[in-house]
Amino acid sequence: TFPERDDGKLFNTCLAYGTDGKLLAKHRKVHLFDIDIPGKITFKESDALAPGNSLTTFTM
């Protein structure tokens, strides 16, 4: 995955390539990891990234 900037937002993006090197699909992570355990850990991926808005499927 890599950070992808689009329209002023930053997405966690993954690209899928076929064996011929052609781009098959681009997926933006939909469910961002946010956790808050009082007194232990707080991590909010959503503080830095925007969620994607669709699921991604492709045929290999």
N, C-alpha and C. Protein backbone atom coordinates (compact mmCIF):
# COMPACT_ATOMS: atom_id res chain seq x y z
N THR A 1 0.84 -1.18 0.00
CA THR A 1 0.00 0.00 0.00
C THR A 1 0.88 1.24 0.00
N PHE A 2 0.25 2.35 -0.37
CA PHE A 2 0.97 3.61 -0.37
C PHE A 2 -0.02 4.75 -0.13
N PRO A 3 0.46 5.89 0.39
CA PRO A 3 -0.42 7.04 0.56
C PRO A 3 -0.67 7.70 -0.80
N GLU A 4 -1.93 7.90 -1.12
CA GLU A 4 -2.30 8.52 -2.40
C GLU A 4 -3.09 9.79 -2.12
N ARG A 5 -2.63 10.90 -2.65
CA ARG A 5 -3.33 12.16 -2.48
C ARG A 5 -4.26 12.38 -3.68
N ASP A 6 -5.52 12.71 -3.37
CA ASP A 6 -6.50 12.98 -4.42
C ASP A 6 -7.52 13.97 -3.88
N ASP A 7 -7.74 15.03 -4.60
CA ASP A 7 -8.73 16.05 -4.24
C ASP A 7 -8.53 16.56 -2.81
N GLY A 8 -7.26 16.74 -2.43
CA GLY A 8 -6.95 17.28 -1.12
C GLY A 8 -7.05 16.29 0.03
N LYS A 9 -7.32 15.03 -0.27
CA LYS A 9 -7.42 14.00 0.76
C LYS A 9 -6.32 12.97 0.56
N LEU A 10 -5.97 12.27 1.63
CA LEU A 10 -4.96 11.23 1.59
C LEU A 10 -5.62 9.89 1.86
N PHE A 11 -5.38 8.92 0.97
CA PHE A 11 -5.99 7.59 1.06
C PHE A 11 -4.90 6.53 1.21
N ASN A 12 -5.22 5.42 1.87
CA ASN A 12 -4.35 4.25 1.92
C ASN A 12 -4.74 3.40 0.72
N THR A 13 -3.91 3.37 -0.30
CA THR A 13 -4.26 2.77 -1.60
C THR A 13 -3.38 1.56 -1.90
N CYS A 14 -3.99 0.57 -2.53
CA CYS A 14 -3.29 -0.64 -2.94
C CYS A 14 -3.58 -0.87 -4.43
N LEU A 15 -2.55 -1.19 -5.18
CA LEU A 15 -2.71 -1.49 -6.60
C LEU A 15 -2.51 -2.98 -6.83
N ALA A 16 -3.30 -3.55 -7.74
CA ALA A 16 -3.15 -4.96 -8.10
C ALA A 16 -2.79 -5.03 -9.58
N TYR A 17 -1.72 -5.78 -9.88
CA TYR A 17 -1.25 -5.92 -11.25
C TYR A 17 -1.36 -7.37 -11.69
N GLY A 18 -1.63 -7.57 -12.98
CA GLY A 18 -1.66 -8.90 -13.56
C GLY A 18 -0.25 -9.38 -13.88
N THR A 19 -0.14 -10.63 -14.29
CA THR A 19 1.17 -11.19 -14.63
C THR A 19 1.79 -10.51 -15.84
N ASP A 20 0.96 -9.83 -16.63
CA ASP A 20 1.47 -9.09 -17.80
C ASP A 20 1.90 -7.67 -17.45
N GLY A 21 1.77 -7.31 -16.17
CA GLY A 21 2.19 -5.99 -15.72
C GLY A 21 1.13 -4.91 -15.83
N LYS A 22 -0.04 -5.26 -16.35
CA LYS A 22 -1.11 -4.28 -16.49
C LYS A 22 -1.85 -4.10 -15.17
N LEU A 23 -2.25 -2.86 -14.91
CA LEU A 23 -3.00 -2.54 -13.71
C LEU A 23 -4.38 -3.18 -13.78
N LEU A 24 -4.72 -4.00 -12.79
CA LEU A 24 -6.02 -4.66 -12.75
C LEU A 24 -7.03 -3.89 -11.91
N ALA A 25 -6.55 -3.31 -10.81
CA ALA A 25 -7.47 -2.62 -9.91
C ALA A 25 -6.71 -1.69 -8.97
N LYS A 26 -7.46 -0.71 -8.48
CA LYS A 26 -6.95 0.20 -7.45
C LYS A 26 -7.97 0.20 -6.32
N HIS A 27 -7.49 -0.07 -5.12
CA HIS A 27 -8.39 -0.12 -3.96
C HIS A 27 -7.96 0.90 -2.92
N ARG A 28 -8.92 1.65 -2.42
CA ARG A 28 -8.68 2.57 -1.31
C ARG A 28 -9.31 1.96 -0.06
N LYS A 29 -8.51 1.83 0.98
CA LYS A 29 -8.98 1.19 2.21
C LYS A 29 -10.25 1.88 2.71
N VAL A 30 -11.28 1.07 2.95
CA VAL A 30 -12.59 1.59 3.35
C VAL A 30 -12.70 1.70 4.87
N HIS A 31 -12.28 0.67 5.59
CA HIS A 31 -12.41 0.64 7.05
C HIS A 31 -11.07 1.01 7.68
N LEU A 32 -10.98 2.23 8.16
CA LEU A 32 -9.74 2.70 8.77
C LEU A 32 -9.63 2.19 10.21
N PHE A 33 -8.41 1.99 10.68
CA PHE A 33 -8.15 1.43 12.00
C PHE A 33 -8.09 2.54 13.03
N ASP A 34 -9.10 2.60 13.88
CA ASP A 34 -9.12 3.53 15.00
C ASP A 34 -9.31 2.72 16.27
N ILE A 35 -8.48 2.98 17.27
CA ILE A 35 -8.60 2.25 18.54
C ILE A 35 -8.32 3.22 19.68
N ASP A 36 -9.08 3.09 20.75
CA ASP A 36 -8.86 3.89 21.95
C ASP A 36 -9.10 3.00 23.17
N ILE A 37 -8.02 2.57 23.79
CA ILE A 37 -8.09 1.79 25.01
C ILE A 37 -7.58 2.70 26.12
N PRO A 38 -8.49 3.24 26.93
CA PRO A 38 -8.09 4.21 27.95
C PRO A 38 -6.93 3.71 28.82
N GLY A 39 -5.94 4.58 28.96
CA GLY A 39 -4.78 4.27 29.77
C GLY A 39 -3.76 3.37 29.10
N LYS A 40 -4.05 2.92 27.87
CA LYS A 40 -3.13 2.00 27.19
C LYS A 40 -2.67 2.54 25.84
N ILE A 41 -3.60 2.67 24.89
CA ILE A 41 -3.20 3.08 23.55
C ILE A 41 -4.35 3.80 22.84
N THR A 42 -4.00 4.79 22.09
CA THR A 42 -4.94 5.46 21.19
C THR A 42 -4.25 5.59 19.85
N PHE A 43 -4.89 5.09 18.82
CA PHE A 43 -4.36 5.20 17.46
C PHE A 43 -5.53 5.42 16.53
N LYS A 44 -5.49 6.50 15.77
CA LYS A 44 -6.59 6.81 14.87
C LYS A 44 -6.05 7.06 13.47
N GLU A 45 -6.15 6.03 12.65
CA GLU A 45 -5.74 6.14 11.26
C GLU A 45 -6.53 7.26 10.57
N SER A 46 -7.77 7.46 11.03
CA SER A 46 -8.64 8.46 10.42
C SER A 46 -8.17 9.89 10.70
N ASP A 47 -7.22 10.08 11.62
CA ASP A 47 -6.66 11.42 11.83
C ASP A 47 -5.85 11.88 10.63
N ALA A 48 -5.28 10.93 9.88
CA ALA A 48 -4.41 11.28 8.76
C ALA A 48 -4.97 10.87 7.40
N LEU A 49 -5.86 9.87 7.38
CA LEU A 49 -6.33 9.32 6.11
C LEU A 49 -7.84 9.43 5.97
N ALA A 50 -8.29 9.51 4.73
CA ALA A 50 -9.72 9.49 4.42
C ALA A 50 -10.09 8.07 3.99
N PRO A 51 -11.30 7.62 4.30
CA PRO A 51 -11.69 6.27 3.87
C PRO A 51 -12.09 6.26 2.39
N GLY A 52 -11.85 5.13 1.74
CA GLY A 52 -12.38 4.93 0.40
C GLY A 52 -13.89 4.79 0.50
N ASN A 53 -14.57 4.76 -0.65
CA ASN A 53 -16.03 4.69 -0.60
C ASN A 53 -16.63 3.52 -1.36
N SER A 54 -15.80 2.54 -1.73
CA SER A 54 -16.36 1.39 -2.45
C SER A 54 -15.47 0.16 -2.26
N LEU A 55 -16.09 -1.00 -2.43
CA LEU A 55 -15.34 -2.25 -2.42
C LEU A 55 -14.72 -2.46 -3.79
N THR A 56 -13.67 -3.24 -3.86
CA THR A 56 -12.97 -3.46 -5.12
C THR A 56 -12.91 -4.95 -5.43
N THR A 57 -13.29 -5.31 -6.64
CA THR A 57 -13.14 -6.68 -7.11
C THR A 57 -12.47 -6.65 -8.47
N PHE A 58 -11.78 -7.75 -8.79
CA PHE A 58 -11.15 -7.85 -10.11
C PHE A 58 -10.91 -9.31 -10.43
N THR A 59 -10.77 -9.60 -11.71
CA THR A 59 -10.50 -10.95 -12.17
C THR A 59 -9.04 -11.07 -12.55
N MET A 60 -8.41 -12.15 -12.09
CA MET A 60 -7.00 -12.37 -12.42
C MET A 60 -6.88 -13.29 -13.61
